[in-house]
Amino acid sequence: MSDFNTAEADASDDTRTLYLDGSFSRQIRSLLYHTYRDDPVYQSLFESGRTGYDQRIRACTRELASGYFSENFPVVGVVRNDRLIATAFVAKSSGDTAFADRFFWRCKMILTVGYGGTEKYLAFLKSINGLLPEGSHYYLPLIGVHPDFQHQGHGRHLLDAVHNLCGLDQQSQGVGLNTSNPEMLPFFESMGYQQMGQFTVSDGATETVMFRYK
């Protein structure tokens, strides 16, 4: 774990923006669970109406975080008094799906989430990639602010740090992300993102893919 020196100072002296390591893995999994549990797209992908949904979401966020860590992707976090309050995984170009093509990771997902949920999630990733620019760029496959700390400016600090990190790569076109929450669109647009397109998963849930060009 190290301080993210290129990020702007946070709102309070006890809040820092850091590169996260495995020592934060439990907090990362908990934050991602709270972020995606009520997401309508994830509810559709992993069948929220069927018994065991909470376990499937916990398993999904655990295996995704483990997969991204295994690829040594940068993980940026906003931390207050050693408590993680916001995080973002940063992948380069199509690297966000590289580990998903690995047999061992797929087996773990199938065993914990189920075959149907795993296949639907992989199709979900493919749809996102199809709307992102070709060529070198970064993508945020997992991003969230803990519900207890939302609407306090931490998401802005998190993205500022991500943009500073990605801006060091002169070959990169910019940064992409996706959201199913239409209320978040104005916020992301205020951070320089533009809508690249939308797609619909089963049950009518809609995902919007956005990109911030350098």
Protein backbone atom coordinates (compact mmCIF):
# COMPACT_ATOMS: atom_id res chain seq x y z
CA MET A 1 0.00 0.00 0.00
CA SER A 2 1.37 3.44 -0.90
CA ASP A 3 0.11 6.98 -1.02
CA PHE A 4 -1.15 8.15 -4.38
CA ASN A 5 1.00 11.24 -4.58
CA THR A 6 -0.46 12.59 -7.81
CA ALA A 7 -3.98 12.85 -6.40
CA GLU A 8 -5.30 16.10 -5.04
CA ALA A 9 -5.62 16.51 -1.28
CA ASP A 10 -8.83 15.03 0.07
CA ALA A 11 -11.54 16.81 2.00
CA SER A 12 -10.16 15.96 5.44
CA ASP A 13 -6.67 15.37 6.83
CA ASP A 14 -7.47 11.77 7.76
CA THR A 15 -8.65 10.83 4.26
CA ARG A 16 -6.06 9.59 1.77
CA THR A 17 -6.04 8.27 -1.78
CA LEU A 18 -3.87 5.15 -2.02
CA TYR A 19 -2.77 2.30 -4.21
CA LEU A 20 -4.33 -0.73 -2.53
CA ASP A 21 -2.73 -4.13 -2.01
CA GLY A 22 -4.02 -7.47 -0.80
CA SER A 23 -4.24 -6.28 2.80
CA PHE A 24 -7.44 -4.47 1.77
CA SER A 25 -8.96 -7.47 -0.01
CA ARG A 26 -11.66 -8.11 2.60
CA GLN A 27 -12.74 -4.45 2.67
CA ILE A 28 -12.69 -4.34 -1.13
CA ARG A 29 -14.96 -7.38 -1.38
CA SER A 30 -17.36 -5.91 1.18
CA LEU A 31 -17.50 -2.54 -0.59
CA LEU A 32 -18.08 -4.17 -3.98
CA TYR A 33 -20.85 -6.32 -2.55
CA HIS A 34 -22.65 -3.23 -1.23
CA THR A 35 -22.04 -1.45 -4.56
CA TYR A 36 -23.41 -4.13 -6.87
CA ARG A 37 -25.97 -5.99 -4.76
CA ASP A 38 -28.81 -3.62 -5.71
CA ASP A 39 -27.56 -2.91 -9.24
CA PRO A 40 -30.44 -3.87 -11.61
CA VAL A 41 -28.07 -5.34 -14.19
CA TYR A 42 -26.35 -7.56 -11.63
CA GLN A 43 -29.76 -8.50 -10.26
CA SER A 44 -30.68 -9.65 -13.76
CA LEU A 45 -27.38 -11.42 -14.48
CA PHE A 46 -27.40 -13.35 -11.22
CA GLU A 47 -31.16 -13.82 -10.79
CA SER A 48 -32.06 -11.84 -7.70
CA GLY A 49 -35.45 -13.54 -7.55
CA ARG A 50 -33.90 -16.96 -7.05
CA THR A 51 -32.77 -18.28 -3.68
CA GLY A 52 -29.09 -17.65 -2.92
CA TYR A 53 -28.71 -14.30 -4.71
CA ASP A 54 -26.67 -12.71 -1.90
CA GLN A 55 -24.24 -15.64 -1.95
CA ARG A 56 -23.89 -15.39 -5.73
CA ILE A 57 -23.15 -11.66 -5.57
CA ARG A 58 -20.59 -12.19 -2.80
CA ALA A 59 -18.98 -14.98 -4.80
CA CYS A 60 -18.97 -12.89 -7.98
CA THR A 61 -17.33 -9.84 -6.39
CA ARG A 62 -14.82 -12.08 -4.59
CA GLU A 63 -13.77 -13.90 -7.77
CA LEU A 64 -13.68 -10.71 -9.83
CA ALA A 65 -11.47 -8.93 -7.29
CA SER A 66 -9.23 -11.99 -7.07
CA GLY A 67 -8.97 -12.19 -10.86
CA TYR A 68 -8.09 -8.52 -11.27
CA PHE A 69 -5.53 -8.69 -8.45
CA SER A 70 -3.96 -11.73 -10.13
CA GLU A 71 -3.37 -9.60 -13.25
CA ASN A 72 -1.62 -6.93 -11.14
CA PHE A 73 -4.03 -4.22 -12.21
CA PRO A 74 -3.69 -0.99 -10.19
CA VAL A 75 -6.36 -0.68 -7.52
CA VAL A 76 -7.00 2.87 -6.29
CA GLY A 77 -8.81 3.52 -3.04
CA VAL A 78 -9.96 6.37 -0.84
CA VAL A 79 -9.25 5.49 2.80
CA ARG A 80 -10.28 7.24 6.01
CA ASN A 81 -8.65 6.05 9.23
CA ASP A 82 -7.80 2.71 7.58
CA ARG A 83 -11.40 2.21 6.46
CA LEU A 84 -11.92 1.83 2.72
CA ILE A 85 -14.67 4.15 1.51
CA ALA A 86 -14.18 4.09 -2.28
CA THR A 87 -12.26 1.97 -4.77
CA ALA A 88 -11.64 1.51 -8.49
CA PHE A 89 -9.85 -1.26 -10.40
CA VAL A 90 -7.92 0.07 -13.41
CA ALA A 91 -7.45 -2.20 -16.44
CA LYS A 92 -5.70 -1.40 -19.69
CA SER A 93 -7.56 -1.85 -22.99
CA SER A 94 -8.98 -5.37 -23.31
CA GLY A 95 -6.96 -6.62 -20.34
CA ASP A 96 -10.12 -6.54 -18.24
CA THR A 97 -11.23 -9.80 -19.86
CA ALA A 98 -7.83 -11.51 -20.09
CA PHE A 99 -8.19 -13.41 -16.82
CA ALA A 100 -11.82 -14.25 -17.67
CA ASP A 101 -10.54 -16.40 -20.52
CA ARG A 102 -8.56 -18.56 -18.12
CA PHE A 103 -9.91 -22.00 -17.38
CA PHE A 104 -9.23 -21.93 -13.64
CA TRP A 105 -11.05 -18.62 -13.11
CA ARG A 106 -14.05 -19.79 -15.14
CA CYS A 107 -14.23 -22.99 -13.13
CA LYS A 108 -14.24 -21.06 -9.86
CA MET A 109 -16.98 -18.77 -11.13
CA ILE A 110 -19.10 -21.68 -12.35
CA LEU A 111 -18.72 -23.48 -9.03
CA THR A 112 -19.69 -20.43 -6.96
CA VAL A 113 -21.98 -18.38 -9.21
CA GLY A 114 -23.27 -21.05 -11.57
CA TYR A 115 -22.79 -21.76 -15.27
CA GLY A 116 -25.64 -19.51 -16.42
CA GLY A 117 -24.52 -16.51 -14.36
CA THR A 118 -20.92 -16.92 -15.51
CA GLU A 119 -21.86 -17.06 -19.18
CA LYS A 120 -24.17 -14.06 -18.86
CA TYR A 121 -21.44 -12.06 -17.11
CA LEU A 122 -18.91 -12.85 -19.85
CA ALA A 123 -21.43 -11.74 -22.48
CA PHE A 124 -21.96 -8.58 -20.43
CA LEU A 125 -18.21 -7.82 -20.55
CA LYS A 126 -18.15 -8.44 -24.31
CA SER A 127 -21.00 -5.95 -24.83
CA ILE A 128 -19.12 -3.30 -22.84
CA ASN A 129 -15.90 -3.84 -24.79
CA GLY A 130 -17.81 -3.50 -28.04
CA LEU A 131 -18.74 0.08 -27.17
CA LEU A 132 -15.30 1.22 -26.01
CA PRO A 133 -12.81 2.77 -28.47
CA GLU A 134 -10.34 0.59 -30.30
CA GLY A 135 -6.69 1.14 -29.48
CA SER A 136 -4.95 1.86 -26.21
CA HIS A 137 -7.14 3.02 -23.34
CA TYR A 138 -8.03 2.25 -19.73
CA TYR A 139 -11.24 0.83 -18.33
CA LEU A 140 -12.68 0.71 -14.80
CA PRO A 141 -14.29 -2.76 -14.49
CA LEU A 142 -15.13 -2.31 -10.80
CA ILE A 143 -15.79 1.02 -9.11
CA GLY A 144 -17.80 2.06 -6.10
CA VAL A 145 -18.25 4.31 -3.08
CA HIS A 146 -19.52 2.78 0.14
CA PRO A 147 -23.18 3.74 0.77
CA ASP A 148 -22.26 5.33 4.13
CA PHE A 149 -19.94 7.81 2.37
CA GLN A 150 -21.78 8.71 -0.81
CA HIS A 151 -22.55 12.32 -1.82
CA GLN A 152 -19.52 13.59 0.12
CA GLY A 153 -17.13 14.16 -2.78
CA HIS A 154 -15.21 10.89 -2.45
CA GLY A 155 -16.21 9.65 -5.91
CA ARG A 156 -14.75 12.81 -7.40
CA HIS A 157 -11.49 12.35 -5.48
CA LEU A 158 -11.34 8.73 -6.61
CA LEU A 159 -11.78 9.58 -10.28
CA ASP A 160 -9.30 12.46 -10.05
CA ALA A 161 -6.71 9.96 -8.83
CA VAL A 162 -7.61 7.49 -11.60
CA HIS A 163 -7.35 10.20 -14.25
CA ASN A 164 -3.95 11.30 -12.93
CA LEU A 165 -2.72 7.72 -13.04
CA CYS A 166 -4.00 7.03 -16.56
CA GLY A 167 -2.77 10.40 -17.77
CA LEU A 168 0.83 9.25 -17.26
CA ASP A 169 0.42 6.96 -20.28
CA GLN A 170 1.01 9.11 -23.34
CA GLN A 171 -0.31 6.41 -25.69
CA SER A 172 -3.68 6.05 -23.97
CA GLN A 173 -6.79 7.64 -25.48
CA GLY A 174 -8.53 7.94 -22.11
CA VAL A 175 -10.65 6.03 -19.58
CA GLY A 176 -13.91 4.12 -19.89
CA LEU A 177 -16.51 2.92 -17.39
CA ASN A 178 -20.10 1.70 -17.30
CA THR A 179 -23.15 2.23 -15.12
CA SER A 180 -26.76 1.07 -14.90
CA ASN A 181 -27.76 4.03 -12.72
CA PRO A 182 -29.14 6.92 -14.83
CA GLU A 183 -28.77 9.25 -11.84
CA MET A 184 -24.99 8.84 -12.09
CA LEU A 185 -24.80 10.03 -15.70
CA PRO A 186 -24.70 13.77 -14.88
CA PHE A 187 -21.92 13.17 -12.34
CA PHE A 188 -19.77 11.23 -14.79
CA GLU A 189 -20.44 13.81 -17.48
CA SER A 190 -19.28 16.52 -15.07
CA MET A 191 -16.01 14.55 -14.81
CA GLY A 192 -15.55 14.68 -18.57
CA TYR A 193 -17.16 11.41 -19.65
CA GLN A 194 -19.42 11.09 -22.67
CA GLN A 195 -21.91 8.37 -23.48
CA MET A 196 -20.66 5.82 -26.01
CA GLY A 197 -23.82 3.72 -26.14
CA GLN A 198 -26.22 1.54 -24.22
CA PHE A 199 -27.30 -2.07 -24.26
CA THR A 200 -30.03 -4.02 -22.52
CA VAL A 201 -29.65 -7.26 -20.62
CA SER A 202 -32.47 -9.66 -19.78
CA ASP A 203 -35.32 -8.27 -17.66
CA GLY A 204 -34.91 -4.91 -19.41
CA ALA A 205 -32.04 -3.56 -17.30
CA THR A 206 -29.96 -1.06 -19.28
CA GLU A 207 -26.21 -0.44 -19.06
CA THR A 208 -24.57 2.79 -20.29
CA VAL A 209 -20.94 2.77 -21.41
CA MET A 210 -19.04 6.07 -21.05
CA PHE A 211 -15.59 7.30 -22.04
CA ARG A 212 -13.40 10.23 -21.05
CA TYR A 213 -10.98 11.21 -23.80
CA LYS A 214 -7.67 12.79 -22.87
